[in-house]
N, C-alpha and C. Protein backbone atom coordinates (compact mmCIF):
# COMPACT_ATOMS: atom_id res chain seq x y z
N MET A 1 67.26 38.04 89.98
CA MET A 1 68.36 38.95 89.74
C MET A 1 69.02 39.24 91.08
N PHE A 2 70.35 39.11 91.13
CA PHE A 2 71.09 39.35 92.35
C PHE A 2 71.26 40.84 92.61
N GLY A 3 71.33 41.22 93.89
CA GLY A 3 71.59 42.60 94.27
C GLY A 3 70.37 43.50 94.28
N ARG A 4 69.23 42.98 93.95
CA ARG A 4 68.02 43.80 93.95
C ARG A 4 67.22 43.55 95.21
N ARG A 5 66.86 44.60 95.90
CA ARG A 5 66.01 44.46 97.09
C ARG A 5 64.61 44.11 96.68
N LYS A 6 63.96 43.30 97.51
CA LYS A 6 62.56 42.96 97.26
C LYS A 6 61.74 44.23 97.22
N GLY A 7 60.91 44.35 96.20
CA GLY A 7 60.07 45.52 96.05
C GLY A 7 60.72 46.64 95.27
N ALA A 8 62.02 46.49 94.96
CA ALA A 8 62.70 47.53 94.19
C ALA A 8 62.09 47.60 92.81
N GLY A 9 61.88 48.80 92.34
CA GLY A 9 61.32 48.98 91.02
C GLY A 9 59.80 49.00 90.97
N LYS A 10 59.13 48.77 92.10
CA LYS A 10 57.68 48.82 92.06
C LYS A 10 57.21 50.27 91.97
N THR A 11 56.08 50.46 91.36
CA THR A 11 55.53 51.80 91.19
C THR A 11 55.04 52.34 92.52
N PRO A 12 55.51 53.52 92.94
CA PRO A 12 55.06 54.08 94.21
C PRO A 12 53.57 54.40 94.18
N GLN A 13 52.93 54.17 95.30
CA GLN A 13 51.51 54.48 95.42
C GLN A 13 51.34 55.95 95.80
N GLU A 14 50.19 56.49 95.44
CA GLU A 14 49.83 57.84 95.86
C GLU A 14 49.22 57.76 97.26
N PRO A 15 49.55 58.70 98.13
CA PRO A 15 48.92 58.70 99.46
C PRO A 15 47.41 58.88 99.34
N ARG A 16 46.68 58.13 100.16
CA ARG A 16 45.23 58.29 100.23
C ARG A 16 44.92 59.35 101.28
N PRO A 17 43.81 60.05 101.12
CA PRO A 17 43.43 61.01 102.16
C PRO A 17 43.26 60.28 103.50
N LEU A 18 43.72 60.89 104.56
CA LEU A 18 43.58 60.29 105.89
C LEU A 18 42.15 60.42 106.38
N PRO A 19 41.62 59.38 107.03
CA PRO A 19 40.28 59.50 107.61
C PRO A 19 40.27 60.53 108.74
N ALA A 20 39.10 61.04 109.04
CA ALA A 20 38.96 62.07 110.08
C ALA A 20 39.47 61.58 111.44
N ASP A 21 39.34 60.28 111.69
CA ASP A 21 39.76 59.73 112.98
C ASP A 21 41.14 59.07 112.91
N ALA A 22 41.95 59.46 111.93
CA ALA A 22 43.26 58.83 111.72
C ALA A 22 44.13 58.92 112.97
N ARG A 23 44.94 57.89 113.12
CA ARG A 23 45.84 57.78 114.26
C ARG A 23 47.14 57.15 113.78
N ARG A 24 48.24 57.56 114.38
CA ARG A 24 49.55 56.95 114.09
C ARG A 24 50.18 56.53 115.40
N LEU A 25 50.65 55.29 115.44
CA LEU A 25 51.30 54.75 116.64
C LEU A 25 52.71 54.28 116.34
N HIS A 26 53.59 54.46 117.31
CA HIS A 26 54.90 53.83 117.32
C HIS A 26 54.83 52.75 118.39
N VAL A 27 55.24 51.52 118.04
CA VAL A 27 55.16 50.39 118.97
C VAL A 27 56.50 49.65 118.96
N ARG A 28 56.94 49.24 120.13
CA ARG A 28 58.14 48.41 120.25
C ARG A 28 57.74 47.11 120.91
N PHE A 29 57.94 46.01 120.18
CA PHE A 29 57.63 44.68 120.66
C PHE A 29 58.92 44.01 121.13
N VAL A 30 58.86 43.30 122.25
CA VAL A 30 60.00 42.52 122.74
C VAL A 30 59.53 41.10 123.01
N GLY A 31 60.50 40.20 123.08
CA GLY A 31 60.18 38.79 123.31
C GLY A 31 60.53 37.98 122.08
N GLN A 32 59.72 37.00 121.79
CA GLN A 32 59.96 36.08 120.67
C GLN A 32 59.39 36.69 119.38
N VAL A 33 60.07 37.71 118.86
CA VAL A 33 59.53 38.45 117.72
C VAL A 33 60.44 38.42 116.49
N GLN A 34 61.58 37.79 116.59
CA GLN A 34 62.45 37.65 115.42
C GLN A 34 62.59 36.17 115.09
N GLY A 35 62.56 35.88 113.79
CA GLY A 35 62.68 34.49 113.34
C GLY A 35 61.38 33.72 113.35
N VAL A 36 60.25 34.43 113.52
CA VAL A 36 58.94 33.76 113.56
C VAL A 36 57.95 34.36 112.56
N GLY A 37 58.46 35.14 111.61
CA GLY A 37 57.58 35.76 110.61
C GLY A 37 56.80 36.95 111.13
N PHE A 38 57.27 37.55 112.21
CA PHE A 38 56.53 38.63 112.86
C PHE A 38 56.36 39.85 111.94
N ARG A 39 57.42 40.28 111.28
CA ARG A 39 57.32 41.44 110.40
C ARG A 39 56.36 41.18 109.25
N TRP A 40 56.43 39.99 108.68
CA TRP A 40 55.58 39.67 107.52
C TRP A 40 54.13 39.54 107.95
N THR A 41 53.89 39.03 109.16
CA THR A 41 52.53 38.96 109.69
C THR A 41 51.98 40.37 109.89
N CYS A 42 52.81 41.26 110.45
CA CYS A 42 52.39 42.67 110.62
C CYS A 42 52.06 43.28 109.27
N GLN A 43 52.90 43.03 108.28
CA GLN A 43 52.66 43.59 106.95
C GLN A 43 51.34 43.09 106.36
N ASN A 44 51.07 41.79 106.47
CA ASN A 44 49.82 41.23 105.94
C ASN A 44 48.59 41.85 106.61
N ILE A 45 48.65 42.01 107.92
CA ILE A 45 47.53 42.62 108.65
C ILE A 45 47.34 44.06 108.20
N CYS A 46 48.43 44.80 108.10
CA CYS A 46 48.33 46.22 107.72
C CYS A 46 47.80 46.38 106.30
N ILE A 47 48.22 45.54 105.39
CA ILE A 47 47.71 45.62 104.02
C ILE A 47 46.22 45.32 104.01
N THR A 48 45.81 44.29 104.73
CA THR A 48 44.39 43.93 104.79
C THR A 48 43.55 45.05 105.38
N ARG A 49 44.08 45.74 106.38
CA ARG A 49 43.35 46.79 107.08
C ARG A 49 43.59 48.18 106.50
N HIS A 50 44.32 48.26 105.39
CA HIS A 50 44.61 49.53 104.72
C HIS A 50 45.36 50.50 105.63
N LEU A 51 46.29 49.95 106.41
CA LEU A 51 47.14 50.77 107.27
C LEU A 51 48.46 51.04 106.56
N THR A 52 49.04 52.18 106.80
CA THR A 52 50.34 52.51 106.26
C THR A 52 51.36 52.48 107.39
N GLY A 53 52.64 52.53 107.02
CA GLY A 53 53.70 52.56 108.01
C GLY A 53 54.84 51.64 107.66
N TRP A 54 55.50 51.12 108.69
CA TRP A 54 56.65 50.26 108.49
C TRP A 54 56.91 49.41 109.72
N VAL A 55 57.71 48.36 109.53
CA VAL A 55 58.14 47.47 110.61
C VAL A 55 59.58 47.05 110.32
N ARG A 56 60.40 46.91 111.38
CA ARG A 56 61.77 46.45 111.19
C ARG A 56 62.30 45.77 112.45
N ASN A 57 63.21 44.82 112.24
CA ASN A 57 63.94 44.19 113.33
C ASN A 57 64.99 45.16 113.84
N GLU A 58 65.21 45.14 115.14
CA GLU A 58 66.27 45.93 115.75
C GLU A 58 67.39 45.00 116.22
N SER A 59 68.59 45.54 116.34
CA SER A 59 69.75 44.72 116.70
C SER A 59 69.66 44.14 118.12
N ASP A 60 68.81 44.71 118.97
CA ASP A 60 68.67 44.19 120.34
C ASP A 60 67.64 43.06 120.44
N GLY A 61 67.09 42.61 119.28
CA GLY A 61 66.13 41.52 119.28
C GLY A 61 64.68 41.96 119.31
N SER A 62 64.44 43.26 119.41
CA SER A 62 63.07 43.79 119.42
C SER A 62 62.61 44.06 117.99
N VAL A 63 61.35 44.42 117.85
CA VAL A 63 60.78 44.83 116.57
C VAL A 63 60.09 46.17 116.78
N GLU A 64 60.39 47.13 115.91
CA GLU A 64 59.76 48.45 115.94
C GLU A 64 58.74 48.52 114.83
N LEU A 65 57.65 49.22 115.09
CA LEU A 65 56.54 49.32 114.15
C LEU A 65 55.95 50.72 114.24
N GLU A 66 55.59 51.27 113.10
CA GLU A 66 54.75 52.47 113.06
C GLU A 66 53.59 52.15 112.15
N ILE A 67 52.39 52.39 112.63
CA ILE A 67 51.19 52.17 111.83
C ILE A 67 50.31 53.41 111.87
N GLN A 68 49.60 53.61 110.77
CA GLN A 68 48.75 54.78 110.62
C GLN A 68 47.50 54.40 109.83
N GLY A 69 46.37 54.93 110.28
CA GLY A 69 45.13 54.72 109.56
C GLY A 69 43.94 55.05 110.45
N ALA A 70 42.79 54.58 110.03
CA ALA A 70 41.57 54.81 110.81
C ALA A 70 41.74 54.21 112.20
N ALA A 71 41.28 54.92 113.21
CA ALA A 71 41.46 54.50 114.60
C ALA A 71 40.98 53.07 114.84
N GLY A 72 39.84 52.70 114.27
CA GLY A 72 39.31 51.35 114.45
C GLY A 72 40.22 50.29 113.86
N ASP A 73 40.82 50.59 112.70
CA ASP A 73 41.74 49.64 112.07
C ASP A 73 43.06 49.54 112.83
N VAL A 74 43.53 50.66 113.36
CA VAL A 74 44.74 50.63 114.17
C VAL A 74 44.51 49.76 115.41
N SER A 75 43.38 49.93 116.07
CA SER A 75 43.06 49.12 117.25
C SER A 75 42.92 47.65 116.88
N ALA A 76 42.24 47.38 115.77
CA ALA A 76 42.00 46.00 115.33
C ALA A 76 43.30 45.29 114.95
N PHE A 77 44.33 46.05 114.57
CA PHE A 77 45.62 45.45 114.24
C PHE A 77 46.10 44.55 115.37
N PHE A 78 45.99 45.00 116.61
CA PHE A 78 46.50 44.24 117.75
C PHE A 78 45.70 42.96 117.98
N THR A 79 44.39 43.01 117.79
CA THR A 79 43.56 41.82 117.90
C THR A 79 43.92 40.82 116.80
N ASP A 80 44.10 41.33 115.59
CA ASP A 80 44.48 40.47 114.46
C ASP A 80 45.85 39.83 114.69
N LEU A 81 46.78 40.57 115.27
CA LEU A 81 48.11 40.03 115.54
C LEU A 81 48.03 38.86 116.52
N VAL A 82 47.28 39.03 117.58
CA VAL A 82 47.09 37.93 118.54
C VAL A 82 46.47 36.72 117.84
N GLY A 83 45.44 36.96 117.04
CA GLY A 83 44.77 35.88 116.32
C GLY A 83 45.68 35.17 115.34
N SER A 84 46.61 35.89 114.74
CA SER A 84 47.52 35.29 113.77
C SER A 84 48.44 34.26 114.40
N TYR A 85 48.72 34.42 115.68
CA TYR A 85 49.63 33.50 116.37
C TYR A 85 48.89 32.53 117.29
N ARG A 86 47.60 32.41 117.15
CA ARG A 86 46.84 31.48 117.98
C ARG A 86 47.28 30.03 117.75
N ARG A 87 47.51 29.65 116.50
CA ARG A 87 47.92 28.28 116.18
C ARG A 87 49.40 28.03 116.47
N PHE A 88 50.19 29.08 116.41
CA PHE A 88 51.63 28.98 116.64
C PHE A 88 51.99 30.04 117.68
N PRO A 89 51.66 29.78 118.94
CA PRO A 89 51.83 30.83 119.96
C PRO A 89 53.29 31.22 120.16
N ILE A 90 53.50 32.51 120.23
CA ILE A 90 54.81 33.05 120.56
C ILE A 90 54.65 33.94 121.78
N SER A 91 55.75 34.18 122.45
CA SER A 91 55.72 35.00 123.65
C SER A 91 56.30 36.38 123.34
N TYR A 92 55.44 37.39 123.36
CA TYR A 92 55.91 38.75 123.12
C TYR A 92 55.07 39.71 123.96
N ARG A 93 55.60 40.91 124.10
CA ARG A 93 54.84 41.96 124.79
C ARG A 93 55.18 43.30 124.16
N ILE A 94 54.32 44.25 124.41
CA ILE A 94 54.54 45.61 123.93
C ILE A 94 55.29 46.36 125.03
N GLU A 95 56.49 46.81 124.71
CA GLU A 95 57.30 47.55 125.68
C GLU A 95 57.04 49.05 125.59
N GLU A 96 56.76 49.54 124.39
CA GLU A 96 56.45 50.96 124.19
C GLU A 96 55.29 51.07 123.21
N LYS A 97 54.43 52.03 123.45
CA LYS A 97 53.31 52.30 122.55
C LYS A 97 52.97 53.78 122.70
N ASP A 98 53.30 54.55 121.68
CA ASP A 98 53.13 55.99 121.75
C ASP A 98 52.39 56.53 120.54
N ASP A 99 51.53 57.50 120.75
CA ASP A 99 50.91 58.22 119.64
C ASP A 99 51.96 59.12 119.01
N MET A 100 51.84 59.30 117.71
CA MET A 100 52.77 60.13 116.95
C MET A 100 51.99 61.06 116.04
N PRO A 101 52.66 62.10 115.53
CA PRO A 101 52.01 62.95 114.53
C PRO A 101 51.76 62.15 113.25
N LEU A 102 50.67 62.46 112.58
CA LEU A 102 50.32 61.79 111.33
C LEU A 102 51.32 62.15 110.24
N ASP A 103 51.46 61.25 109.28
CA ASP A 103 52.30 61.48 108.10
C ASP A 103 51.40 61.42 106.87
N PRO A 104 50.91 62.57 106.39
CA PRO A 104 49.97 62.56 105.26
C PRO A 104 50.61 62.16 103.93
N THR A 105 51.94 62.05 103.87
CA THR A 105 52.60 61.67 102.62
C THR A 105 52.81 60.17 102.48
N GLU A 106 52.55 59.42 103.55
CA GLU A 106 52.78 57.98 103.52
C GLU A 106 51.69 57.28 102.71
N ALA A 107 52.10 56.35 101.84
CA ALA A 107 51.15 55.73 100.93
C ALA A 107 50.99 54.23 101.10
N ASP A 108 51.94 53.55 101.77
CA ASP A 108 51.83 52.11 101.89
C ASP A 108 52.50 51.62 103.16
N PHE A 109 52.58 50.31 103.30
CA PHE A 109 53.24 49.70 104.45
C PHE A 109 54.42 48.91 103.93
N GLU A 110 55.55 49.02 104.65
CA GLU A 110 56.74 48.31 104.18
C GLU A 110 57.48 47.63 105.33
N VAL A 111 58.16 46.54 104.97
CA VAL A 111 59.10 45.89 105.88
C VAL A 111 60.44 46.53 105.59
N ARG A 112 61.04 47.10 106.62
CA ARG A 112 62.34 47.75 106.46
C ARG A 112 63.44 46.80 106.94
N PHE A 113 64.60 46.96 106.33
CA PHE A 113 65.75 46.14 106.67
C PHE A 113 66.87 46.99 107.19
């Protein structure tokens, strides 16, 4: 069907209780991060690790990400990201990485456009 955004009409999830060690990060990636499946790779890792948040391309060629979940899973996200590109290496770096206040209402992870 034309004109429908991917994921439109899906049933919203209920937020899960945050773990005691929950953490939320804002990250800005620069380098070769657009046109290589970077957002979708982030989404797959976050779904697997039960992380919530979002990722989106920026007009300056960077990618912004916010992730939230158990501290160990948030840390493991970065290891998983490196491992995902081992076979198809890309050149990127983290330009910003900041802790943020938790969002207890967030229920899933999404790719934003």
